[in-house]
PDB file of all heavy atoms in Angstrom:
ATOM      1  N   ALA A   1       0.852  -1.186   0.018  1.00  0.00           N
ATOM      2  CA  ALA A   1       0.037  -0.015   0.039  1.00  0.00           C
ATOM      3  C   ALA A   1       0.875   1.217  -0.033  1.00  0.00           C
ATOM      4  O   ALA A   1       0.614   2.174  -0.730  1.00  0.00           O
ATOM      5  CB  ALA A   1      -0.948  -0.009   1.213  1.00  0.00           C
ATOM      6  N   SER A   2       1.871   1.204   0.777  1.00  0.00           N
ATOM      7  CA  SER A   2       2.875   2.380   0.841  1.00  0.00           C
ATOM      8  C   SER A   2       3.632   2.471  -0.468  1.00  0.00           C
ATOM      9  O   SER A   2       3.903   3.574  -0.942  1.00  0.00           O
ATOM     10  CB  SER A   2       3.836   2.264   2.004  1.00  0.00           C
ATOM     11  OG  SER A   2       3.038   2.315   3.245  1.00  0.00           O
ATOM     12  N   TRP A   3       4.007   1.274  -1.001  1.00  0.00           N
ATOM     13  CA  TRP A   3       4.719   1.336  -2.304  1.00  0.00           C
ATOM     14  C   TRP A   3       3.825   1.997  -3.372  1.00  0.00           C
ATOM     15  O   TRP A   3       4.356   2.788  -4.173  1.00  0.00           O
ATOM     16  CB  TRP A   3       5.027  -0.078  -2.660  1.00  0.00           C
ATOM     17  CG  TRP A   3       5.638  -0.242  -4.042  1.00  0.00           C
ATOM     18  CD1 TRP A   3       6.955  -0.015  -4.445  1.00  0.00           C
ATOM     19  CD2 TRP A   3       4.951  -0.618  -5.238  1.00  0.00           C
ATOM     20  NE1 TRP A   3       7.079  -0.252  -5.774  1.00  0.00           N
ATOM     21  CE2 TRP A   3       5.915  -0.578  -6.246  1.00  0.00           C
ATOM     22  CE3 TRP A   3       3.639  -0.939  -5.553  1.00  0.00           C
ATOM     23  CZ2 TRP A   3       5.518  -0.910  -7.613  1.00  0.00           C
ATOM     24  CZ3 TRP A   3       3.275  -1.239  -6.829  1.00  0.00           C
ATOM     25  CH2 TRP A   3       4.252  -1.241  -7.858  1.00  0.00           C
ATOM     26  N   TRP A   4       2.607   1.681  -3.409  1.00  0.00           N
ATOM     27  CA  TRP A   4       1.723   2.257  -4.432  1.00  0.00           C
ATOM     28  C   TRP A   4       1.650   3.805  -4.240  1.00  0.00           C
ATOM     29  O   TRP A   4       1.635   4.546  -5.197  1.00  0.00           O
ATOM     30  CB  TRP A   4       0.333   1.691  -4.351  1.00  0.00           C
ATOM     31  CG  TRP A   4      -0.617   2.322  -5.335  1.00  0.00           C
ATOM     32  CD1 TRP A   4      -1.737   3.007  -5.006  1.00  0.00           C
ATOM     33  CD2 TRP A   4      -0.505   2.399  -6.747  1.00  0.00           C
ATOM     34  NE1 TRP A   4      -2.359   3.468  -6.164  1.00  0.00           N
ATOM     35  CE2 TRP A   4      -1.645   3.096  -7.212  1.00  0.00           C
ATOM     36  CE3 TRP A   4       0.374   1.881  -7.641  1.00  0.00           C
ATOM     37  CZ2 TRP A   4      -1.853   3.314  -8.578  1.00  0.00           C
ATOM     38  CZ3 TRP A   4       0.222   2.080  -9.022  1.00  0.00           C
ATOM     39  CH2 TRP A   4      -0.892   2.856  -9.417  1.00  0.00           C
ATOM     40  N   VAL A   5       1.593   4.281  -3.006  1.00  0.00           N
ATOM     41  CA  VAL A   5       1.617   5.722  -2.721  1.00  0.00           C
ATOM     42  C   VAL A   5       2.855   6.352  -3.296  1.00  0.00           C
ATOM     43  O   VAL A   5       2.793   7.373  -4.027  1.00  0.00           O
ATOM     44  CB  VAL A   5       1.411   6.041  -1.276  1.00  0.00           C
ATOM     45  CG1 VAL A   5       1.606   7.513  -0.975  1.00  0.00           C
ATOM     46  CG2 VAL A   5       0.105   5.580  -0.695  1.00  0.00           C
ATOM     47  N   THR A   6       4.012   5.751  -2.989  1.00  0.00           N
ATOM     48  CA  THR A   6       5.269   6.292  -3.517  1.00  0.00           C
ATOM     49  C   THR A   6       5.386   6.246  -5.040  1.00  0.00           C
ATOM     50  O   THR A   6       5.737   7.246  -5.708  1.00  0.00           O
ATOM     51  CB  THR A   6       6.472   5.476  -2.927  1.00  0.00           C
ATOM     52  OG1 THR A   6       6.400   5.572  -1.539  1.00  0.00           O
ATOM     53  CG2 THR A   6       7.800   5.942  -3.472  1.00  0.00           C
ATOM     54  N   VAL A   7       4.867   5.196  -5.653  1.00  0.00           N
ATOM     55  CA  VAL A   7       4.908   5.075  -7.133  1.00  0.00           C
ATOM     56  C   VAL A   7       3.959   6.074  -7.728  1.00  0.00           C
ATOM     57  O   VAL A   7       4.286   6.747  -8.711  1.00  0.00           O
ATOM     58  CB  VAL A   7       4.496   3.607  -7.536  1.00  0.00           C
ATOM     59  CG1 VAL A   7       4.204   3.547  -9.037  1.00  0.00           C
ATOM     60  CG2 VAL A   7       5.570   2.682  -7.159  1.00  0.00           C
ATOM     61  N   ARG A   8       2.782   6.286  -7.181  1.00  0.00           N
ATOM     62  CA  ARG A   8       1.867   7.227  -7.688  1.00  0.00           C
ATOM     63  C   ARG A   8       2.399   8.669  -7.614  1.00  0.00           C
ATOM     64  O   ARG A   8       2.240   9.441  -8.652  1.00  0.00           O
ATOM     65  CB  ARG A   8       0.537   7.143  -6.937  1.00  0.00           C
ATOM     66  CG  ARG A   8      -0.511   8.180  -7.284  1.00  0.00           C
ATOM     67  CD  ARG A   8      -1.917   7.786  -6.727  1.00  0.00           C
ATOM     68  NE  ARG A   8      -1.799   7.533  -5.317  1.00  0.00           N
ATOM     69  CZ  ARG A   8      -1.752   8.467  -4.341  1.00  0.00           C
ATOM     70  NH1 ARG A   8      -1.847   9.768  -4.718  1.00  0.00           N
ATOM     71  NH2 ARG A   8      -1.701   8.170  -3.062  1.00  0.00           N
ATOM     72  N   ILE A   9       2.961   9.023  -6.553  1.00  0.00           N
ATOM     73  CA  ILE A   9       3.522  10.341  -6.450  1.00  0.00           C
ATOM     74  C   ILE A   9       4.704  10.551  -7.355  1.00  0.00           C
ATOM     75  O   ILE A   9       4.905  11.601  -8.085  1.00  0.00           O
ATOM     76  CB  ILE A   9       3.977  10.642  -4.960  1.00  0.00           C
ATOM     77  CG1 ILE A   9       2.707  10.740  -4.124  1.00  0.00           C
ATOM     78  CG2 ILE A   9       4.817  11.919  -4.892  1.00  0.00           C
ATOM     79  CD1 ILE A   9       3.065  10.851  -2.624  1.00  0.00           C
ATOM     80  N   THR A  10       5.609   9.509  -7.459  1.00  0.00           N
ATOM     81  CA  THR A  10       6.738   9.580  -8.360  1.00  0.00           C
ATOM     82  C   THR A  10       6.274   9.753  -9.790  1.00  0.00           C
ATOM     83  O   THR A  10       6.838  10.560 -10.571  1.00  0.00           O
ATOM     84  CB  THR A  10       7.628   8.291  -8.236  1.00  0.00           C
ATOM     85  OG1 THR A  10       8.063   8.208  -6.910  1.00  0.00           O
ATOM     86  CG2 THR A  10       8.786   8.273  -9.159  1.00  0.00           C
ATOM     87  N   ALA A  11       5.285   8.906 -10.253  1.00  0.00           N
ATOM     88  CA  ALA A  11       4.850   9.053 -11.638  1.00  0.00           C
ATOM     89  C   ALA A  11       4.179  10.334 -11.909  1.00  0.00           C
ATOM     90  O   ALA A  11       4.401  10.977 -13.023  1.00  0.00           O
ATOM     91  CB  ALA A  11       3.826   7.852 -11.888  1.00  0.00           C
ATOM     92  N   THR A  12       3.378  10.899 -10.974  1.00  0.00           N
ATOM     93  CA  THR A  12       2.768  12.168 -11.150  1.00  0.00           C
ATOM     94  C   THR A  12       3.787  13.313 -11.316  1.00  0.00           C
ATOM     95  O   THR A  12       3.724  14.161 -12.175  1.00  0.00           O
ATOM     96  CB  THR A  12       1.802  12.449  -9.989  1.00  0.00           C
ATOM     97  OG1 THR A  12       0.803  11.400  -9.879  1.00  0.00           O
ATOM     98  CG2 THR A  12       1.008  13.755 -10.260  1.00  0.00           C
ATOM     99  N   ALA A  13       4.789  13.236 -10.326  1.00  0.00           N
ATOM    100  CA  ALA A  13       5.803  14.319 -10.382  1.00  0.00           C
ATOM    101  C   ALA A  13       6.562  14.220 -11.709  1.00  0.00           C
ATOM    102  O   ALA A  13       6.939  15.236 -12.318  1.00  0.00           O
ATOM    103  CB  ALA A  13       6.724  14.118  -9.244  1.00  0.00           C
ATOM    104  N   LEU A  14       6.900  12.990 -12.162  1.00  0.00           N
ATOM    105  CA  LEU A  14       7.669  12.864 -13.452  1.00  0.00           C
ATOM    106  C   LEU A  14       6.849  13.333 -14.567  1.00  0.00           C
ATOM    107  O   LEU A  14       7.417  13.990 -15.473  1.00  0.00           O
ATOM    108  CB  LEU A  14       8.038  11.384 -13.595  1.00  0.00           C
ATOM    109  CG  LEU A  14       8.901  11.057 -14.789  1.00  0.00           C
ATOM    110  CD1 LEU A  14      10.271  11.878 -14.743  1.00  0.00           C
ATOM    111  CD2 LEU A  14       9.231   9.608 -14.857  1.00  0.00           C
ATOM    112  N   ALA A  15       5.594  13.045 -14.649  1.00  0.00           N
ATOM    113  CA  ALA A  15       4.692  13.513 -15.734  1.00  0.00           C
ATOM    114  C   ALA A  15       4.651  15.009 -15.724  1.00  0.00           C
ATOM    115  O   ALA A  15       4.784  15.624 -16.844  1.00  0.00           O
ATOM    116  CB  ALA A  15       3.302  12.934 -15.544  1.00  0.00           C
ATOM    117  N   LEU A  16       4.475  15.688 -14.602  1.00  0.00           N
ATOM    118  CA  LEU A  16       4.437  17.083 -14.531  1.00  0.00           C
ATOM    119  C   LEU A  16       5.786  17.721 -14.894  1.00  0.00           C
ATOM    120  O   LEU A  16       5.820  18.696 -15.663  1.00  0.00           O
ATOM    121  CB  LEU A  16       4.061  17.557 -13.123  1.00  0.00           C
ATOM    122  CG  LEU A  16       2.712  17.235 -12.663  1.00  0.00           C
ATOM    123  CD1 LEU A  16       2.475  17.605 -11.156  1.00  0.00           C
ATOM    124  CD2 LEU A  16       1.599  17.952 -13.505  1.00  0.00           C
ATOM    125  N   ALA A  17       6.860  17.058 -14.509  1.00  0.00           N
ATOM    126  CA  ALA A  17       8.227  17.530 -14.877  1.00  0.00           C
ATOM    127  C   ALA A  17       8.416  17.423 -16.426  1.00  0.00           C
ATOM    128  O   ALA A  17       9.050  18.271 -17.044  1.00  0.00           O
ATOM    129  CB  ALA A  17       9.273  16.737 -14.210  1.00  0.00           C
ATOM    130  N   CYS A  18       7.916  16.381 -17.003  1.00  0.00           N
ATOM    131  CA  CYS A  18       7.980  16.159 -18.535  1.00  0.00           C
ATOM    132  C   CYS A  18       7.263  17.334 -19.197  1.00  0.00           C
ATOM    133  O   CYS A  18       7.785  17.994 -20.078  1.00  0.00           O
ATOM    134  CB  CYS A  18       7.426  14.875 -18.906  1.00  0.00           C
ATOM    135  SG  CYS A  18       8.506  13.441 -18.655  1.00  0.00           S
ATOM    136  N   VAL A  19       6.048  17.559 -18.748  1.00  0.00           N
ATOM    137  CA  VAL A  19       5.220  18.596 -19.412  1.00  0.00           C
ATOM    138  C   VAL A  19       5.926  20.040 -19.210  1.00  0.00           C
ATOM    139  O   VAL A  19       6.083  20.744 -20.195  1.00  0.00           O
ATOM    140  CB  VAL A  19       3.817  18.679 -18.819  1.00  0.00           C
ATOM    141  CG1 VAL A  19       3.015  19.881 -19.351  1.00  0.00           C
ATOM    142  CG2 VAL A  19       3.065  17.389 -19.144  1.00  0.00           C
ATOM    143  N   GLY A  20       6.300  20.298 -17.997  1.00  0.00           N
ATOM    144  CA  GLY A  20       6.956  21.592 -17.715  1.00  0.00           C
ATOM    145  C   GLY A  20       8.338  21.726 -18.383  1.00  0.00           C
ATOM    146  O   GLY A  20       8.668  22.728 -18.992  1.00  0.00           O
ATOM    147  N   GLY A  21       9.190  20.701 -18.226  1.00  0.00           N
ATOM    148  CA  GLY A  21      10.530  20.769 -18.715  1.00  0.00           C
ATOM    149  C   GLY A  21      10.614  20.819 -20.252  1.00  0.00           C
ATOM    150  O   GLY A  21      11.307  21.672 -20.826  1.00  0.00           O
ATOM    151  N   VAL A  22       9.815  19.933 -20.894  1.00  0.00           N
ATOM    152  CA  VAL A  22       9.798  19.880 -22.347  1.00  0.00           C
ATOM    153  C   VAL A  22       9.198  21.190 -22.903  1.00  0.00           C
ATOM    154  O   VAL A  22       9.674  21.755 -23.906  1.00  0.00           O
ATOM    155  CB  VAL A  22       9.111  18.630 -22.886  1.00  0.00           C
ATOM    156  CG1 VAL A  22       8.922  18.681 -24.396  1.00  0.00           C
ATOM    157  CG2 VAL A  22       9.886  17.380 -22.446  1.00  0.00           C
ATOM    158  N   GLY A  23       8.064  21.586 -22.313  1.00  0.00           N
ATOM    159  CA  GLY A  23       7.411  22.786 -22.777  1.00  0.00           C
ATOM    160  C   GLY A  23       8.242  24.077 -22.675  1.00  0.00           C
ATOM    161  O   GLY A  23       8.412  24.807 -23.639  1.00  0.00           O
ATOM    162  N   LEU A  24       8.936  24.159 -21.544  1.00  0.00           N
ATOM    163  CA  LEU A  24       9.775  25.371 -21.349  1.00  0.00           C
ATOM    164  C   LEU A  24      11.008  25.276 -22.207  1.00  0.00           C
ATOM    165  O   LEU A  24      11.446  26.308 -22.809  1.00  0.00           O
ATOM    166  CB  LEU A  24      10.195  25.429 -19.800  1.00  0.00           C
ATOM    167  CG  LEU A  24      10.754  26.778 -19.395  1.00  0.00           C
ATOM    168  CD1 LEU A  24       9.680  27.888 -19.619  1.00  0.00           C
ATOM    169  CD2 LEU A  24      11.070  26.732 -17.915  1.00  0.00           C
ATOM    170  N   ALA A  25      11.607  24.053 -22.448  1.00  0.00           N
ATOM    171  CA  ALA A  25      12.740  23.910 -23.312  1.00  0.00           C
ATOM    172  C   ALA A  25      12.366  24.315 -24.726  1.00  0.00           C
ATOM    173  O   ALA A  25      13.139  24.908 -25.464  1.00  0.00           O
ATOM    174  CB  ALA A  25      13.281  22.459 -23.226  1.00  0.00           C
ATOM    175  N   THR A  26      11.162  23.881 -25.121  1.00  0.00           N
ATOM    176  CA  THR A  26      10.734  24.274 -26.502  1.00  0.00           C
ATOM    177  C   THR A  26      10.576  25.785 -26.635  1.00  0.00           C
ATOM    178  O   THR A  26      10.989  26.377 -27.667  1.00  0.00           O
ATOM    179  CB  THR A  26       9.350  23.610 -26.779  1.00  0.00           C
ATOM    180  OG1 THR A  26       9.480  22.204 -26.610  1.00  0.00           O
ATOM    181  CG2 THR A  26       8.853  23.935 -28.209  1.00  0.00           C
ATOM    182  N   LEU A  27      10.003  26.455 -25.645  1.00  0.00           N
ATOM    183  CA  LEU A  27       9.899  27.939 -25.679  1.00  0.00           C
ATOM    184  C   LEU A  27      11.279  28.572 -25.702  1.00  0.00           C
ATOM    185  O   LEU A  27      11.545  29.495 -26.421  1.00  0.00           O
ATOM    186  CB  LEU A  27       9.115  28.404 -24.497  1.00  0.00           C
ATOM    187  CG  LEU A  27       7.611  28.024 -24.497  1.00  0.00           C
ATOM    188  CD1 LEU A  27       6.942  28.499 -23.217  1.00  0.00           C
ATOM    189  CD2 LEU A  27       6.891  28.581 -25.708  1.00  0.00           C
ATOM    190  N   PHE A  28      12.222  28.039 -24.890  1.00  0.00           N
ATOM    191  CA  PHE A  28      13.618  28.525 -24.861  1.00  0.00           C
ATOM    192  C   PHE A  28      14.209  28.399 -26.215  1.00  0.00           C
ATOM    193  O   PHE A  28      15.003  29.281 -26.655  1.00  0.00           O
ATOM    194  CB  PHE A  28      14.419  27.814 -23.807  1.00  0.00           C
ATOM    195  CG  PHE A  28      14.144  28.210 -22.399  1.00  0.00           C
ATOM    196  CD1 PHE A  28      14.826  27.562 -21.342  1.00  0.00           C
ATOM    197  CD2 PHE A  28      13.173  29.214 -22.078  1.00  0.00           C
ATOM    198  CE1 PHE A  28      14.541  27.940 -19.992  1.00  0.00           C
ATOM    199  CE2 PHE A  28      12.960  29.575 -20.797  1.00  0.00           C
ATOM    200  CZ  PHE A  28      13.600  28.974 -19.729  1.00  0.00           C
ATOM    201  N   SER A  29      14.031  27.314 -26.909  1.00  0.00           N
ATOM    202  CA  SER A  29      14.702  27.063 -28.213  1.00  0.00           C
ATOM    203  C   SER A  29      14.143  28.050 -29.274  1.00  0.00           C
ATOM    204  O   SER A  29      14.760  28.303 -30.252  1.00  0.00           O
ATOM    205  CB  SER A  29      14.424  25.653 -28.642  1.00  0.00           C
ATOM    206  OG  SER A  29      13.026  25.418 -29.021  1.00  0.00           O
ATOM    207  N   LEU A  30      12.935  28.548 -29.078  1.00  0.00           N
ATOM    208  CA  LEU A  30      12.287  29.535 -30.016  1.00  0.00           C
ATOM    209  C   LEU A  30      12.579  31.031 -29.657  1.00  0.00           C
ATOM    210  O   LEU A  30      12.497  31.855 -30.501  1.00  0.00           O
ATOM    211  CB  LEU A  30      10.805  29.267 -30.071  1.00  0.00           C
ATOM    212  CG  LEU A  30      10.328  27.879 -30.587  1.00  0.00           C
ATOM    213  CD1 LEU A  30       8.863  27.764 -30.471  1.00  0.00           C
ATOM    214  CD2 LEU A  30      10.858  27.619 -32.009  1.00  0.00           C
ATOM    215  N   SER A  31      13.026  31.207 -28.387  1.00  0.00           N
ATOM    216  CA  SER A  31      13.227  32.586 -27.924  1.00  0.00           C
ATOM    217  C   SER A  31      14.388  32.665 -27.007  1.00  0.00           C
ATOM    218  O   SER A  31      14.291  32.139 -25.882  1.00  0.00           O
ATOM    219  CB  SER A  31      11.929  33.166 -27.304  1.00  0.00           C
ATOM    220  OG  SER A  31      12.189  34.381 -26.739  1.00  0.00           O
TER     221      SER A  31
END
């Protein structure tokens, strides 16, 4: 049960980091 909580938070944080990091890098490459 605790493992699933850790995995869920890790996956959510990684997904948000992907969206934010890739999106910001794309904007940086254009400007």
